[in-house]
Amino acid sequence: MKSIGQTLRELRESRGLLLREVGASLSIDPTLLSKIERNDRMPTKGQVNALSEFYEDKKHEVIIAWLSDKLVYEIQDEDLALTAMKVAEQKIEHLKTYKAQ
């Protein structure tokens, strides 16, 4: 269960890239990328889309890490967080079934 920051850092380091190289490729400030990798800042959807395209072979891993971090951040202090997540999962399944019809 890696955070978006851990995921991005591991992907970058496994490719032997520097923050400034990734930043230059995506037109994202390396300082901002560093904050994201340290989990000091949550990337925007646009930044996640750019990063997931950059690490295209791990695209889903990047998006899942970001979405799960967003969900956890939003509801982590709620007493009924786990129950709400289970209900949300059921709602998503229902919507997917409904849209498929």
N, C-alpha and C. Protein backbone atom coordinates (compact mmCIF):
# COMPACT_ATOMS: atom_id res chain seq x y z
N MET A 1 0.83 -1.18 0.00
CA MET A 1 0.00 0.00 0.00
C MET A 1 0.88 1.25 0.00
N LYS A 2 1.33 1.59 -1.15
CA LYS A 2 2.21 2.75 -1.28
C LYS A 2 1.39 4.00 -1.57
N SER A 3 1.89 5.11 -1.06
CA SER A 3 1.27 6.40 -1.35
C SER A 3 1.64 6.83 -2.77
N ILE A 4 0.97 7.86 -3.25
CA ILE A 4 1.31 8.39 -4.57
C ILE A 4 2.76 8.87 -4.58
N GLY A 5 3.20 9.48 -3.51
CA GLY A 5 4.58 9.96 -3.44
C GLY A 5 5.59 8.83 -3.51
N GLN A 6 5.36 7.78 -2.72
CA GLN A 6 6.26 6.63 -2.74
C GLN A 6 6.27 5.98 -4.12
N THR A 7 5.09 5.85 -4.70
CA THR A 7 4.97 5.23 -6.02
C THR A 7 5.78 6.01 -7.05
N LEU A 8 5.61 7.32 -7.07
CA LEU A 8 6.31 8.15 -8.05
C LEU A 8 7.81 8.14 -7.84
N ARG A 9 8.24 8.21 -6.59
CA ARG A 9 9.68 8.20 -6.31
C ARG A 9 10.30 6.88 -6.76
N GLU A 10 9.65 5.77 -6.43
CA GLU A 10 10.18 4.47 -6.82
C GLU A 10 10.24 4.33 -8.34
N LEU A 11 9.22 4.80 -9.03
CA LEU A 11 9.23 4.73 -10.49
C LEU A 11 10.36 5.57 -11.07
N ARG A 12 10.52 6.78 -10.56
CA ARG A 12 11.58 7.66 -11.06
C ARG A 12 12.96 7.07 -10.79
N GLU A 13 13.18 6.63 -9.56
CA GLU A 13 14.49 6.09 -9.20
C GLU A 13 14.80 4.80 -9.94
N SER A 14 13.79 3.96 -10.16
CA SER A 14 14.02 2.70 -10.88
C SER A 14 14.45 2.94 -12.32
N ARG A 15 14.15 4.10 -12.84
CA ARG A 15 14.54 4.47 -14.20
C ARG A 15 15.81 5.32 -14.23
N GLY A 16 16.35 5.59 -13.04
CA GLY A 16 17.58 6.37 -12.95
C GLY A 16 17.41 7.82 -13.36
N LEU A 17 16.23 8.37 -13.11
CA LEU A 17 15.93 9.75 -13.51
C LEU A 17 16.05 10.70 -12.32
N LEU A 18 16.43 11.92 -12.61
CA LEU A 18 16.46 12.97 -11.60
C LEU A 18 15.13 13.72 -11.62
N LEU A 19 14.82 14.36 -10.51
CA LEU A 19 13.60 15.16 -10.44
C LEU A 19 13.55 16.19 -11.55
N ARG A 20 14.68 16.83 -11.81
CA ARG A 20 14.70 17.88 -12.84
C ARG A 20 14.45 17.31 -14.23
N GLU A 21 14.85 16.06 -14.46
CA GLU A 21 14.61 15.44 -15.76
C GLU A 21 13.12 15.16 -15.96
N VAL A 22 12.50 14.61 -14.94
CA VAL A 22 11.06 14.35 -15.02
C VAL A 22 10.31 15.66 -15.14
N GLY A 23 10.68 16.62 -14.31
CA GLY A 23 10.04 17.93 -14.35
C GLY A 23 10.13 18.60 -15.70
N ALA A 24 11.31 18.54 -16.31
CA ALA A 24 11.50 19.15 -17.63
C ALA A 24 10.65 18.45 -18.68
N SER A 25 10.54 17.14 -18.60
CA SER A 25 9.74 16.39 -19.57
C SER A 25 8.26 16.72 -19.48
N LEU A 26 7.81 17.06 -18.27
CA LEU A 26 6.38 17.28 -18.03
C LEU A 26 6.01 18.74 -17.79
N SER A 27 6.99 19.62 -17.82
CA SER A 27 6.78 21.04 -17.51
C SER A 27 6.19 21.21 -16.11
N ILE A 28 6.74 20.44 -15.17
CA ILE A 28 6.35 20.54 -13.76
C ILE A 28 7.61 20.92 -12.98
N ASP A 29 7.49 21.91 -12.11
CA ASP A 29 8.62 22.36 -11.31
C ASP A 29 9.18 21.19 -10.49
N PRO A 30 10.50 20.95 -10.54
CA PRO A 30 11.09 19.85 -9.76
C PRO A 30 10.85 19.99 -8.26
N THR A 31 10.77 21.24 -7.77
CA THR A 31 10.48 21.45 -6.35
C THR A 31 9.09 20.91 -6.01
N LEU A 32 8.14 21.13 -6.89
CA LEU A 32 6.79 20.61 -6.69
C LEU A 32 6.80 19.09 -6.74
N LEU A 33 7.52 18.52 -7.69
CA LEU A 33 7.62 17.06 -7.77
C LEU A 33 8.23 16.48 -6.49
N SER A 34 9.22 17.16 -5.95
CA SER A 34 9.83 16.72 -4.70
C SER A 34 8.82 16.71 -3.57
N LYS A 35 8.01 17.76 -3.48
CA LYS A 35 6.97 17.83 -2.44
C LYS A 35 5.96 16.70 -2.61
N ILE A 36 5.61 16.40 -3.86
CA ILE A 36 4.67 15.31 -4.12
C ILE A 36 5.28 13.99 -3.69
N GLU A 37 6.54 13.76 -4.04
CA GLU A 37 7.22 12.51 -3.68
C GLU A 37 7.37 12.36 -2.17
N ARG A 38 7.49 13.46 -1.45
CA ARG A 38 7.60 13.41 0.02
C ARG A 38 6.23 13.41 0.70
N ASN A 39 5.18 13.38 -0.11
CA ASN A 39 3.80 13.43 0.39
C ASN A 39 3.50 14.71 1.16
N ASP A 40 4.20 15.78 0.81
CA ASP A 40 3.91 17.09 1.39
C ASP A 40 2.85 17.82 0.59
N ARG A 41 2.60 17.33 -0.61
CA ARG A 41 1.61 17.96 -1.49
C ARG A 41 0.95 16.88 -2.34
N MET A 42 -0.37 17.01 -2.52
CA MET A 42 -1.11 16.07 -3.36
C MET A 42 -1.12 16.62 -4.78
N PRO A 43 -0.77 15.79 -5.76
CA PRO A 43 -0.81 16.28 -7.15
C PRO A 43 -2.24 16.50 -7.62
N THR A 44 -2.39 17.39 -8.58
CA THR A 44 -3.70 17.62 -9.18
C THR A 44 -4.01 16.49 -10.15
N LYS A 45 -5.24 16.43 -10.59
CA LYS A 45 -5.62 15.40 -11.56
C LYS A 45 -4.81 15.56 -12.85
N GLY A 46 -4.60 16.80 -13.28
CA GLY A 46 -3.81 17.05 -14.48
C GLY A 46 -2.37 16.57 -14.33
N GLN A 47 -1.79 16.81 -13.16
CA GLN A 47 -0.43 16.35 -12.91
C GLN A 47 -0.37 14.83 -12.87
N VAL A 48 -1.37 14.21 -12.27
CA VAL A 48 -1.42 12.75 -12.22
C VAL A 48 -1.56 12.17 -13.62
N ASN A 49 -2.40 12.79 -14.43
CA ASN A 49 -2.55 12.33 -15.81
C ASN A 49 -1.23 12.41 -16.56
N ALA A 50 -0.51 13.51 -16.39
CA ALA A 50 0.79 13.68 -17.06
C ALA A 50 1.79 12.65 -16.55
N LEU A 51 1.83 12.47 -15.23
CA LEU A 51 2.76 11.50 -14.64
C LEU A 51 2.42 10.07 -15.05
N SER A 52 1.14 9.75 -15.10
CA SER A 52 0.76 8.38 -15.48
C SER A 52 1.09 8.11 -16.94
N GLU A 53 1.01 9.12 -17.79
CA GLU A 53 1.42 8.95 -19.19
C GLU A 53 2.95 8.82 -19.29
N PHE A 54 3.66 9.58 -18.46
CA PHE A 54 5.12 9.52 -18.46
C PHE A 54 5.60 8.12 -18.06
N TYR A 55 4.97 7.56 -17.02
CA TYR A 55 5.29 6.21 -16.56
C TYR A 55 4.25 5.24 -17.13
N GLU A 56 4.09 5.26 -18.43
CA GLU A 56 2.97 4.59 -19.08
C GLU A 56 2.85 3.10 -18.77
N ASP A 57 3.95 2.41 -18.54
CA ASP A 57 3.85 0.99 -18.22
C ASP A 57 3.30 0.77 -16.81
N LYS A 58 3.27 1.81 -16.00
CA LYS A 58 2.74 1.74 -14.63
C LYS A 58 1.59 2.73 -14.45
N LYS A 59 0.94 3.07 -15.54
CA LYS A 59 -0.12 4.08 -15.54
C LYS A 59 -1.19 3.80 -14.48
N HIS A 60 -1.71 2.58 -14.46
CA HIS A 60 -2.77 2.25 -13.50
C HIS A 60 -2.27 2.32 -12.06
N GLU A 61 -1.04 1.92 -11.83
CA GLU A 61 -0.47 1.98 -10.48
C GLU A 61 -0.44 3.43 -9.97
N VAL A 62 -0.06 4.35 -10.83
CA VAL A 62 0.00 5.77 -10.46
C VAL A 62 -1.40 6.29 -10.14
N ILE A 63 -2.35 6.01 -11.00
CA ILE A 63 -3.71 6.51 -10.81
C ILE A 63 -4.35 5.90 -9.56
N ILE A 64 -4.17 4.61 -9.35
CA ILE A 64 -4.75 3.95 -8.17
C ILE A 64 -4.14 4.52 -6.89
N ALA A 65 -2.83 4.74 -6.87
CA ALA A 65 -2.19 5.31 -5.68
C ALA A 65 -2.76 6.69 -5.38
N TRP A 66 -2.96 7.50 -6.42
CA TRP A 66 -3.50 8.86 -6.23
C TRP A 66 -4.94 8.81 -5.74
N LEU A 67 -5.77 8.01 -6.40
CA LEU A 67 -7.18 7.94 -6.00
C LEU A 67 -7.33 7.42 -4.58
N SER A 68 -6.58 6.38 -4.23
CA SER A 68 -6.70 5.83 -2.88
C SER A 68 -6.21 6.83 -1.84
N ASP A 69 -5.15 7.57 -2.13
CA ASP A 69 -4.69 8.61 -1.20
C ASP A 69 -5.76 9.69 -1.02
N LYS A 70 -6.40 10.09 -2.11
CA LYS A 70 -7.46 11.10 -2.02
C LYS A 70 -8.59 10.63 -1.12
N LEU A 71 -9.00 9.39 -1.32
CA LEU A 71 -10.10 8.85 -0.51
C LEU A 71 -9.72 8.78 0.96
N VAL A 72 -8.54 8.25 1.23
CA VAL A 72 -8.10 8.12 2.62
C VAL A 72 -7.99 9.49 3.28
N TYR A 73 -7.40 10.45 2.60
CA TYR A 73 -7.24 11.79 3.15
C TYR A 73 -8.59 12.40 3.50
N GLU A 74 -9.57 12.16 2.65
CA GLU A 74 -10.89 12.77 2.83
C GLU A 74 -11.66 12.17 4.01
N ILE A 75 -11.53 10.88 4.24
CA ILE A 75 -12.40 10.24 5.25
C ILE A 75 -11.67 9.57 6.41
N GLN A 76 -10.37 9.72 6.50
CA GLN A 76 -9.59 8.99 7.49
C GLN A 76 -10.03 9.21 8.94
N ASP A 77 -10.55 10.36 9.26
CA ASP A 77 -10.92 10.66 10.64
C ASP A 77 -12.38 10.37 10.96
N GLU A 78 -13.10 9.85 10.00
CA GLU A 78 -14.51 9.53 10.20
C GLU A 78 -14.66 8.17 10.87
N ASP A 79 -15.54 8.09 11.86
CA ASP A 79 -15.76 6.83 12.57
C ASP A 79 -16.30 5.73 11.66
N LEU A 80 -17.09 6.11 10.69
CA LEU A 80 -17.73 5.13 9.81
C LEU A 80 -17.04 5.03 8.45
N ALA A 81 -15.76 5.39 8.40
CA ALA A 81 -15.04 5.44 7.13
C ALA A 81 -15.05 4.10 6.40
N LEU A 82 -14.73 3.02 7.10
CA LEU A 82 -14.67 1.71 6.43
C LEU A 82 -16.04 1.26 5.94
N THR A 83 -17.05 1.50 6.73
CA THR A 83 -18.41 1.15 6.31
C THR A 83 -18.81 1.97 5.09
N ALA A 84 -18.50 3.24 5.12
CA ALA A 84 -18.82 4.11 3.99
C ALA A 84 -18.09 3.66 2.73
N MET A 85 -16.83 3.23 2.87
CA MET A 85 -16.07 2.75 1.72
C MET A 85 -16.71 1.49 1.12
N LYS A 86 -17.19 0.61 1.97
CA LYS A 86 -17.85 -0.60 1.48
C LYS A 86 -19.13 -0.26 0.72
N VAL A 87 -19.89 0.68 1.26
CA VAL A 87 -21.12 1.12 0.58
C VAL A 87 -20.76 1.79 -0.74
N ALA A 88 -19.72 2.61 -0.74
CA ALA A 88 -19.29 3.27 -1.97
C ALA A 88 -18.88 2.25 -3.02
N GLU A 89 -18.21 1.19 -2.60
CA GLU A 89 -17.82 0.13 -3.54
C GLU A 89 -19.06 -0.51 -4.17
N GLN A 90 -20.07 -0.75 -3.35
CA GLN A 90 -21.32 -1.33 -3.86
C GLN A 90 -21.99 -0.37 -4.84
N LYS A 91 -21.97 0.92 -4.53
CA LYS A 91 -22.58 1.91 -5.41
C LYS A 91 -21.86 1.97 -6.75
N ILE A 92 -20.55 1.89 -6.71
CA ILE A 92 -19.77 1.91 -7.96
C ILE A 92 -20.11 0.69 -8.81
N GLU A 93 -20.19 -0.47 -8.19
CA GLU A 93 -20.56 -1.69 -8.92
C GLU A 93 -21.95 -1.55 -9.53
N HIS A 94 -22.87 -0.99 -8.76
CA HIS A 94 -24.23 -0.80 -9.26
C HIS A 94 -24.24 0.15 -10.46
N LEU A 95 -23.52 1.25 -10.35
CA LEU A 95 -23.46 2.21 -11.45
C LEU A 95 -22.82 1.61 -12.70
N LYS A 96 -21.79 0.80 -12.52
CA LYS A 96 -21.15 0.14 -13.66
C LYS A 96 -22.13 -0.80 -14.35
N THR A 97 -22.93 -1.52 -13.56
CA THR A 97 -23.93 -2.44 -14.12
C THR A 97 -25.01 -1.65 -14.84
N TYR A 98 -25.47 -0.57 -14.21
CA TYR A 98 -26.53 0.26 -14.78
C TYR A 98 -26.08 0.87 -16.11
N LYS A 99 -24.86 1.38 -16.16
CA LYS A 99 -24.34 2.01 -17.37
C LYS A 99 -24.14 0.99 -18.49
N ALA A 100 -23.86 -0.25 -18.14
CA ALA A 100 -23.61 -1.29 -19.15
C ALA A 100 -24.90 -1.72 -19.85
N GLN A 101 -26.02 -1.42 -19.26
CA GLN A 101 -27.31 -1.86 -19.83
C GLN A 101 -27.78 -0.96 -20.93
